Amino acid sequence: MAYLSRLRLTNFRNLTHLDHALPRGVTVYYGPNAQGKTTLLEAVYLLCIARSFRAENERELVSFSAANAGQQALVDGTIEKDGQHLRIIVGYQSTQRSNFEGNGLGYNVRKEIRVNRLRRTAGELIGQVNAVLFSAEDIELVLGAPSGRRRFLDILLSQADTLYLKGLQRYNRVVQQRNQLLRLLREGRAGGDELAFWDDELAREGSWITWRRYETMRDLTPACIQHHEDLSGPEEDLAVEYRPSVLLGGDVAEVESNFREALAAASYRERAHPVTAVGPHRDDFNVMIDGADMGMFASRGQARTLALTLRLAEAGFLASVRGEGPVVLFDDALSEMDSGRRHRLLEKAMRYEQVLITTTDMEQVNGFFGSGAIYRYVSGGQVWPSDEHGNIGETPVSGEEAEEGDEPAIDESA
């Protein structure tokens, strides 16, 4: 059992100061757009995954006024896990850009992570407590580019298995080094014999990543089929097919052999266009209904339902592998959905220890949860108490006193 019991934010986007207790069960955050609802979920996700799900650059996470004043942004959470408290702080210290010429933001940020006061890397944080995010943008898992589907698999597997995360990091470094060497070869500044070492590294690391993804997709598929049937009925025949850039085999050794053959076959193409042409960074998976590729033929409604099945399967996989359910986050993910399907989805989500939902329309959820959920109104970067009827309290709930022993996440003297 793991859940977030307290969230403290300082200068995090438009939430300049928030200290907010969170219960187990379902909490619904409602209110107009651009008031801080998604930012709350972004902060929770950041504590689990060590990265934002929407920022292209981490400078965006620090409020503009705080960054220009040289102040920190802090995301500070308390996790209840196995009867113990886990304090996680992710801090961003703004630093002035020495080469700034007046275009864009005049500062960078330095990121630091602490778990129970000890400095940790992002890789060491991931997996402490898991999260699954349902969002309106999930439709791109079906209709979007392959990179989004690869990211889905990588985040899932990185939370489930620290060995996968480390292997993925090694593989990405190999691809980067090999691409640099390919460019040098084309320019005549390196010899072809140097490529053999990186080919070996690429085949070894890449074949293992490919095999782990294949095993995971094989395990996810039955759950996807069941969730899709529960949400849409048994009329459609769903299949999920992993499509690696190299041939699969009976085991990882055979995949590695096939990987080496694919590299040899791509040699001429890679010399002409100096980027690594085969490997997990080129993989994809297809979602099929009745044999038709939904990436090409799905309606928006079909694509949204298929994305939900992938997320539900992700949550179930993490619960099975890790022995504890993830924190489930719904960021405006319940719109464009009929009430029957929405209720079936929420029934599945309620199996987990903690569910956080954002919506602009409380009627999407209050008819289902009634008084069985906690309701919070978000406005102007503050969180206010509410009931299921939309009656809002007079005092925000986001001003509890901070715990003793609070400290900045970043040592500015470092």
Protein backbone atom coordinates (compact mmCIF):
# COMPACT_ATOMS: atom_id res chain seq x y z
CA MET A 1 0.00 0.00 0.00
CA ALA A 2 1.38 3.40 -1.00
CA TYR A 3 -0.29 6.78 -1.29
CA LEU A 4 0.50 10.48 -1.01
CA SER A 5 -0.64 11.94 2.32
CA ARG A 6 0.66 15.48 2.02
CA LEU A 7 1.69 17.81 -0.80
CA ARG A 8 3.60 21.06 -0.33
CA LEU A 9 4.33 23.33 -3.28
CA THR A 10 6.40 26.50 -3.42
CA ASN A 11 6.67 28.63 -6.57
CA PHE A 12 5.55 25.69 -8.69
CA ARG A 13 3.94 27.26 -11.76
CA ASN A 14 0.98 29.33 -10.50
CA LEU A 15 0.91 27.58 -7.10
CA THR A 16 3.17 29.89 -5.10
CA HIS A 17 2.40 28.38 -1.70
CA LEU A 18 0.31 25.32 -1.00
CA ASP A 19 0.37 22.86 1.88
CA HIS A 20 -2.34 20.29 1.33
CA ALA A 21 -3.25 17.05 3.12
CA LEU A 22 -4.52 14.24 0.89
CA PRO A 23 -6.57 11.26 2.07
CA ARG A 24 -6.79 7.78 0.70
CA GLY A 25 -9.68 7.08 -1.61
CA VAL A 26 -11.05 9.47 -4.24
CA THR A 27 -10.44 13.22 -4.31
CA VAL A 28 -12.11 15.35 -6.98
CA TYR A 29 -10.59 18.74 -7.88
CA TYR A 30 -13.00 20.90 -9.84
CA GLY A 31 -13.20 24.46 -11.07
CA PRO A 32 -12.51 26.62 -14.15
CA ASN A 33 -9.55 26.08 -16.44
CA ALA A 34 -6.11 27.63 -15.76
CA GLN A 35 -6.57 27.75 -11.97
CA GLY A 36 -4.10 25.04 -10.91
CA LYS A 37 -5.95 21.70 -11.11
CA THR A 38 -3.63 20.11 -13.64
CA THR A 39 -0.63 21.60 -11.84
CA LEU A 40 -1.62 19.69 -8.70
CA LEU A 41 -1.64 16.40 -10.60
CA GLU A 42 1.57 17.36 -12.38
CA ALA A 43 3.26 17.77 -8.98
CA VAL A 44 2.05 14.35 -7.81
CA TYR A 45 3.24 12.75 -11.05
CA LEU A 46 6.61 14.48 -10.68
CA LEU A 47 7.09 12.96 -7.22
CA CYS A 48 6.57 9.50 -8.74
CA ILE A 49 8.17 9.72 -12.18
CA ALA A 50 10.76 12.49 -11.57
CA ARG A 51 9.55 14.40 -14.64
CA SER A 52 6.58 16.49 -15.70
CA PHE A 53 4.02 15.07 -18.10
CA ARG A 54 3.53 18.40 -19.88
CA ALA A 55 6.63 20.64 -19.57
CA GLU A 56 8.93 20.73 -22.59
CA ASN A 57 11.59 22.42 -20.47
CA GLU A 58 11.87 22.28 -16.68
CA ARG A 59 12.26 26.06 -16.58
CA GLU A 60 8.50 26.18 -17.14
CA LEU A 61 7.93 24.63 -13.70
CA VAL A 62 9.34 27.61 -11.77
CA SER A 63 7.03 30.60 -11.50
CA PHE A 64 8.36 33.47 -13.58
CA SER A 65 8.54 35.95 -10.71
CA ALA A 66 10.32 33.47 -8.43
CA ALA A 67 12.85 32.55 -11.10
CA ASN A 68 13.71 36.18 -11.81
CA ALA A 69 14.16 36.72 -8.06
CA GLY A 70 16.54 33.74 -7.85
CA GLN A 71 14.12 31.73 -5.71
CA GLN A 72 13.52 27.98 -5.68
CA ALA A 73 10.52 25.98 -6.75
CA LEU A 74 9.83 23.01 -4.50
CA VAL A 75 7.60 19.97 -4.91
CA ASP A 76 7.50 18.28 -1.53
CA GLY A 77 5.46 15.19 -0.76
CA THR A 78 4.98 12.69 2.04
CA ILE A 79 4.35 9.13 0.95
CA GLU A 80 2.80 6.53 3.25
CA LYS A 81 4.33 3.21 2.27
CA ASP A 82 4.44 -0.08 4.18
CA GLY A 83 3.67 1.70 7.44
CA GLN A 84 6.49 4.21 7.01
CA HIS A 85 6.76 7.87 5.98
CA LEU A 86 8.74 8.65 2.84
CA ARG A 87 9.59 12.34 2.34
CA ILE A 88 10.34 13.24 -1.29
CA ILE A 89 11.45 16.71 -2.35
CA VAL A 90 12.13 17.76 -5.92
CA GLY A 91 13.64 21.22 -6.12
CA TYR A 92 14.43 23.60 -8.94
CA GLN A 93 16.90 26.43 -8.35
CA SER A 94 16.92 29.15 -10.99
CA THR A 95 20.30 30.25 -12.30
CA GLN A 96 20.89 33.19 -14.62
CA ARG A 97 21.94 32.39 -18.17
CA SER A 98 25.39 33.81 -18.90
CA ASN A 99 24.76 33.98 -22.66
CA PHE A 100 21.27 35.46 -22.45
CA GLU A 101 20.61 37.98 -25.24
CA GLY A 102 17.04 38.96 -24.46
CA ASN A 103 15.21 36.14 -26.27
CA GLY A 104 13.13 33.65 -24.30
CA LEU A 105 13.71 33.00 -20.59
CA GLY A 106 16.75 34.58 -19.00
CA TYR A 107 17.42 31.72 -16.60
CA ASN A 108 18.05 27.99 -16.40
CA VAL A 109 17.15 25.70 -13.51
CA ARG A 110 19.20 23.22 -11.54
CA LYS A 111 17.21 20.19 -10.37
CA GLU A 112 17.82 18.20 -7.23
CA ILE A 113 15.95 15.28 -5.67
CA ARG A 114 16.00 14.24 -2.03
CA VAL A 115 14.38 11.21 -0.43
CA ASN A 116 14.32 11.37 3.38
CA ARG A 117 16.93 14.17 3.17
CA LEU A 118 19.39 12.12 1.07
CA ARG A 119 20.21 13.21 -2.46
CA ARG A 120 18.98 10.82 -5.11
CA THR A 121 19.02 10.59 -8.89
CA ALA A 122 15.84 10.47 -10.95
CA GLY A 123 16.51 6.78 -11.57
CA GLU A 124 16.65 6.14 -7.83
CA LEU A 125 13.35 7.94 -7.29
CA ILE A 126 11.33 6.14 -9.96
CA GLY A 127 9.56 3.14 -8.48
CA GLN A 128 9.38 4.45 -4.90
CA VAL A 129 5.68 5.01 -5.50
CA ASN A 130 4.04 4.40 -8.86
CA ALA A 131 1.55 6.53 -10.77
CA VAL A 132 -0.70 6.06 -13.78
CA LEU A 133 -1.97 9.16 -15.54
CA PHE A 134 -5.17 9.23 -17.59
CA SER A 135 -5.41 12.44 -19.64
CA ALA A 136 -7.34 13.86 -22.55
CA GLU A 137 -4.12 13.66 -24.60
CA ASP A 138 -4.03 9.86 -24.22
CA ILE A 139 -5.91 9.61 -27.50
CA GLU A 140 -2.46 10.09 -29.06
CA LEU A 141 -1.48 6.64 -27.74
CA VAL A 142 -3.66 5.32 -30.55
CA LEU A 143 -3.66 8.07 -33.18
CA GLY A 144 -0.29 9.69 -32.54
CA ALA A 145 3.34 9.05 -33.42
CA PRO A 146 5.21 5.88 -32.37
CA SER A 147 7.34 7.89 -29.94
CA GLY A 148 4.33 8.28 -27.63
CA ARG A 149 3.71 4.54 -27.56
CA ARG A 150 7.39 3.86 -26.86
CA ARG A 151 7.22 6.37 -24.00
CA PHE A 152 4.17 4.54 -22.63
CA LEU A 153 6.10 1.27 -22.53
CA ASP A 154 9.27 2.83 -21.13
CA ILE A 155 7.50 4.61 -18.26
CA LEU A 156 5.52 1.49 -17.42
CA LEU A 157 8.57 -0.78 -17.41
CA SER A 158 10.79 1.74 -15.63
CA GLN A 159 8.32 1.88 -12.75
CA ALA A 160 7.97 -1.89 -12.69
CA ASP A 161 11.65 -2.82 -12.93
CA THR A 162 14.69 -0.71 -12.03
CA LEU A 163 16.85 -3.00 -14.17
CA TYR A 164 14.85 -1.97 -17.22
CA LEU A 165 15.35 1.71 -16.43
CA LYS A 166 19.10 1.25 -16.08
CA GLY A 167 19.23 -0.79 -19.28
CA LEU A 168 17.24 1.86 -21.14
CA GLN A 169 19.60 4.58 -19.93
CA ARG A 170 22.61 2.56 -21.12
CA TYR A 171 20.96 1.90 -24.47
CA ASN A 172 20.19 5.59 -25.03
CA ARG A 173 23.81 6.49 -24.29
CA VAL A 174 24.99 3.87 -26.79
CA VAL A 175 22.68 5.25 -29.50
CA GLN A 176 23.96 8.76 -28.84
CA GLN A 177 27.61 7.68 -29.04
CA ARG A 178 27.02 5.56 -32.13
CA ASN A 179 25.19 8.38 -33.92
CA GLN A 180 28.09 10.71 -33.22
CA LEU A 181 30.52 8.14 -34.63
CA LEU A 182 28.38 7.70 -37.75
CA ARG A 183 28.59 11.44 -38.38
CA LEU A 184 32.37 11.36 -37.95
CA LEU A 185 32.60 8.44 -40.38
CA ARG A 186 30.69 10.35 -43.03
CA GLU A 187 33.05 13.30 -42.55
CA GLY A 188 36.09 11.03 -42.81
CA ARG A 189 37.21 11.76 -39.26
CA ALA A 190 36.89 8.21 -37.88
CA GLY A 191 37.65 4.67 -39.01
CA GLY A 192 35.07 1.96 -39.67
CA ASP A 193 36.72 -0.42 -37.20
CA GLU A 194 35.59 1.84 -34.34
CA LEU A 195 31.96 1.07 -35.18
CA ALA A 196 32.28 -2.62 -34.28
CA PHE A 197 32.48 -1.87 -30.55
CA TRP A 198 29.31 0.24 -30.59
CA ASP A 199 27.51 -2.32 -32.76
CA ASP A 200 28.18 -4.94 -30.09
CA GLU A 201 26.96 -2.64 -27.33
CA LEU A 202 23.87 -1.69 -29.32
CA ALA A 203 22.94 -5.29 -30.11
CA ARG A 204 23.43 -6.48 -26.52
CA GLU A 205 21.55 -3.66 -24.80
CA GLY A 206 18.93 -3.26 -27.53
CA SER A 207 17.99 -6.93 -27.77
CA TRP A 208 17.29 -7.07 -24.03
CA ILE A 209 15.11 -3.93 -24.20
CA THR A 210 13.25 -5.40 -27.18
CA TRP A 211 12.63 -8.70 -25.38
CA ARG A 212 11.39 -7.03 -22.19
CA ARG A 213 8.96 -4.88 -24.18
CA TYR A 214 7.73 -7.93 -26.07
CA GLU A 215 7.16 -9.86 -22.83
CA THR A 216 5.29 -6.90 -21.33
CA MET A 217 3.03 -6.42 -24.35
CA ARG A 218 2.28 -10.15 -24.26
CA ASP A 219 1.26 -9.82 -20.60
CA LEU A 220 -0.73 -6.62 -21.15
CA THR A 221 -2.79 -7.90 -24.07
CA PRO A 222 -5.25 -10.15 -22.14
CA ALA A 223 -5.94 -7.30 -19.70
CA CYS A 224 -6.49 -4.88 -22.59
CA ILE A 225 -8.95 -7.28 -24.18
CA GLN A 226 -10.89 -7.68 -20.93
CA HIS A 227 -10.99 -3.95 -20.15
CA HIS A 228 -12.08 -3.13 -23.68
CA GLU A 229 -14.90 -5.66 -23.48
CA ASP A 230 -15.98 -4.24 -20.10
CA LEU A 231 -16.05 -0.70 -21.47
CA SER A 232 -17.43 -1.34 -24.97
CA GLY A 233 -19.00 -4.79 -25.02
CA PRO A 234 -17.90 -8.05 -26.68
CA GLU A 235 -18.77 -7.12 -30.26
CA GLU A 236 -15.24 -5.98 -31.26
CA ASP A 237 -12.22 -8.27 -31.50
CA LEU A 238 -9.22 -6.42 -29.97
CA ALA A 239 -5.57 -7.32 -30.51
CA VAL A 240 -2.37 -5.53 -29.48
CA GLU A 241 0.69 -6.27 -31.60
CA TYR A 242 4.27 -5.30 -30.73
CA ARG A 243 6.23 -4.29 -33.85
CA PRO A 244 9.98 -4.21 -33.21
CA SER A 245 12.45 -3.02 -35.82
CA VAL A 246 14.25 -6.39 -35.65
CA LEU A 247 12.85 -9.88 -35.90
CA LEU A 248 11.79 -11.50 -32.65
CA GLY A 249 12.76 -15.03 -31.69
CA GLY A 250 12.26 -17.65 -29.04
CA ASP A 251 14.53 -15.92 -26.52
CA VAL A 252 16.71 -12.85 -26.06
CA ALA A 253 19.76 -14.59 -27.59
CA GLU A 254 17.89 -15.14 -30.84
CA VAL A 255 16.71 -11.52 -30.80
CA GLU A 256 20.35 -10.41 -30.42
CA SER A 257 21.39 -12.53 -33.40
CA ASN A 258 18.59 -11.00 -35.47
CA PHE A 259 19.60 -7.56 -34.23
CA ARG A 260 23.15 -8.01 -35.56
CA GLU A 261 21.81 -9.12 -38.95
CA ALA A 262 19.54 -6.07 -39.12
CA LEU A 263 22.47 -3.77 -38.29
CA ALA A 264 24.55 -5.31 -41.06
CA ALA A 265 21.69 -4.89 -43.53
CA ALA A 266 21.28 -1.20 -42.52
CA SER A 267 24.98 -0.37 -42.88
CA TYR A 268 24.76 1.42 -46.24
CA ARG A 269 21.67 3.37 -45.21
CA GLU A 270 23.32 4.48 -41.96
CA ARG A 271 26.42 5.74 -43.76
CA ALA A 272 24.25 7.83 -46.10
CA HIS A 273 22.07 9.14 -43.26
CA PRO A 274 24.20 9.00 -40.08
CA VAL A 275 21.63 7.89 -37.51
CA THR A 276 21.11 4.43 -36.01
CA ALA A 277 18.42 2.85 -38.17
CA VAL A 278 17.38 -0.17 -36.09
CA GLY A 279 16.72 -0.80 -32.42
CA PRO A 280 14.12 -0.19 -29.71
CA HIS A 281 14.15 3.55 -30.43
CA ARG A 282 12.45 2.65 -33.74
CA ASP A 283 9.88 0.21 -32.34
CA ASP A 284 6.11 0.57 -32.18
CA PHE A 285 2.98 -1.35 -31.27
CA ASN A 286 -0.37 -1.48 -33.05
CA VAL A 287 -3.84 -1.64 -31.58
CA MET A 288 -6.15 -3.62 -33.86
CA ILE A 289 -9.93 -4.11 -33.93
CA ASP A 290 -11.26 -6.83 -36.18
CA GLY A 291 -7.89 -6.83 -37.95
CA ALA A 292 -7.91 -3.09 -38.74
CA ASP A 293 -5.11 -0.83 -37.47
CA MET A 294 -6.81 1.69 -35.20
CA GLY A 295 -3.95 4.14 -35.67
CA MET A 296 -5.35 4.62 -39.19
CA PHE A 297 -9.04 3.85 -38.87
CA ALA A 298 -10.22 4.61 -35.32
CA SER A 299 -12.83 7.27 -34.66
CA ARG A 300 -12.08 9.65 -31.79
CA GLY A 301 -14.49 7.73 -29.58
CA GLN A 302 -12.84 4.40 -30.40
CA ALA A 303 -9.37 5.85 -29.88
CA ARG A 304 -10.32 7.31 -26.51
CA THR A 305 -11.73 3.97 -25.31
CA LEU A 306 -8.66 2.09 -26.54
CA ALA A 307 -6.38 4.53 -24.73
CA LEU A 308 -8.37 3.93 -21.54
CA THR A 309 -7.89 0.17 -21.92
CA LEU A 310 -4.12 0.69 -22.21
CA ARG A 311 -4.04 2.82 -19.06
CA LEU A 312 -6.18 0.37 -17.10
CA ALA A 313 -3.92 -2.47 -18.19
CA GLU A 314 -0.90 -0.38 -17.14
CA ALA A 315 -2.35 0.13 -13.65
CA GLY A 316 -3.15 -3.56 -13.25
CA PHE A 317 0.31 -4.58 -14.46
CA LEU A 318 2.04 -2.31 -11.94
CA ALA A 319 -0.18 -3.55 -9.11
CA SER A 320 0.61 -7.16 -10.02
CA VAL A 321 4.36 -6.74 -10.46
CA ARG A 322 5.01 -4.38 -7.55
CA GLY A 323 2.48 -5.82 -5.10
CA GLU A 324 0.87 -2.42 -4.55
CA GLY A 325 -1.43 -0.33 -6.67
CA PRO A 326 -0.33 2.94 -8.27
CA VAL A 327 -1.68 6.37 -7.47
CA VAL A 328 -4.26 6.89 -10.22
CA LEU A 329 -4.55 10.35 -11.77
CA PHE A 330 -7.37 11.52 -14.06
CA ASP A 331 -6.57 14.88 -15.65
CA ASP A 332 -9.72 16.03 -17.45
CA ALA A 333 -9.94 12.49 -18.84
CA LEU A 334 -13.68 11.97 -18.36
CA SER A 335 -15.01 14.36 -20.99
CA GLU A 336 -16.25 13.17 -24.40
CA MET A 337 -17.52 10.00 -22.73
CA ASP A 338 -21.07 8.77 -22.18
CA SER A 339 -22.13 8.32 -18.57
CA GLY A 340 -22.31 4.52 -18.75
CA ARG A 341 -18.75 4.17 -19.97
CA ARG A 342 -17.54 6.81 -17.54
CA HIS A 343 -19.12 4.96 -14.60
CA ARG A 344 -17.60 1.63 -15.66
CA LEU A 345 -14.19 3.31 -15.85
CA LEU A 346 -14.55 4.87 -12.40
CA GLU A 347 -15.63 1.53 -10.93
CA LYS A 348 -12.34 0.06 -12.11
CA ALA A 349 -10.33 3.02 -10.81
CA MET A 350 -11.85 2.75 -7.33
CA ARG A 351 -9.99 -0.53 -6.78
CA TYR A 352 -6.85 1.47 -6.10
CA GLU A 353 -5.72 3.08 -2.87
CA GLN A 354 -5.72 6.68 -4.06
CA VAL A 355 -7.46 8.31 -7.03
CA LEU A 356 -7.12 12.02 -7.87
CA ILE A 357 -9.47 13.50 -10.47
CA THR A 358 -9.62 16.93 -12.10
CA THR A 359 -12.65 18.20 -13.98
CA THR A 360 -14.31 21.44 -15.00
CA ASP A 361 -17.73 19.79 -14.66
CA MET A 362 -18.38 18.22 -11.28
CA GLU A 363 -21.58 16.64 -12.62
CA GLN A 364 -19.35 14.18 -14.49
CA VAL A 365 -18.46 12.52 -11.19
CA ASN A 366 -20.68 13.58 -8.28
CA GLY A 367 -23.59 11.48 -9.51
CA PHE A 368 -21.34 8.43 -9.32
CA PHE A 369 -19.40 9.08 -6.10
CA GLY A 370 -21.95 11.11 -4.14
CA SER A 371 -20.60 11.63 -0.64
CA GLY A 372 -18.09 8.81 -1.15
CA ALA A 373 -15.42 11.18 -2.48
CA ILE A 374 -13.61 14.25 -1.16
CA TYR A 375 -14.36 17.38 -3.20
CA ARG A 376 -12.02 20.34 -3.58
CA TYR A 377 -12.60 23.56 -5.50
CA VAL A 378 -9.49 25.04 -7.11
CA SER A 379 -9.31 28.74 -7.90
CA GLY A 380 -6.46 31.22 -8.13
CA GLY A 381 -3.87 28.67 -7.03
CA GLN A 382 -5.76 27.84 -3.82
CA VAL A 383 -7.67 24.71 -2.83
CA TRP A 384 -11.02 25.16 -1.08
CA PRO A 385 -13.24 22.60 0.70
CA SER A 386 -16.49 21.65 -0.98
CA ASP A 387 -19.23 19.07 -0.87
CA GLU A 388 -20.69 17.04 -3.71
CA HIS A 389 -23.28 19.75 -4.36
CA GLY A 390 -20.69 22.45 -5.04
CA ASN A 391 -21.05 24.30 -1.74
CA ILE A 392 -17.63 25.88 -1.19
CA GLY A 393 -16.14 26.62 2.22
CA GLU A 394 -14.96 30.04 3.32
CA THR A 395 -11.35 29.15 4.09
CA PRO A 396 -8.89 27.34 1.78
CA VAL A 397 -7.63 23.96 2.94
CA SER A 398 -4.18 24.63 1.50
CA GLY A 399 -2.69 26.51 4.43
CA GLU A 400 -1.82 23.86 7.01
CA GLU A 401 1.34 24.50 8.98
CA ALA A 402 4.46 22.92 7.56
CA GLU A 403 6.20 20.17 9.48
CA GLU A 404 9.22 20.88 11.65
CA GLY A 405 12.55 20.19 10.01
CA ASP A 406 11.56 21.55 6.59
CA GLU A 407 14.59 22.39 4.50
CA PRO A 408 15.27 23.62 0.97
CA ALA A 409 15.71 20.85 -1.55
CA ILE A 410 18.74 22.50 -3.09
CA ASP A 411 21.86 23.54 -1.28
CA GLU A 412 22.64 26.84 -2.99
CA SER A 413 26.26 26.70 -1.81
CA ALA A 414 26.87 23.47 -3.73
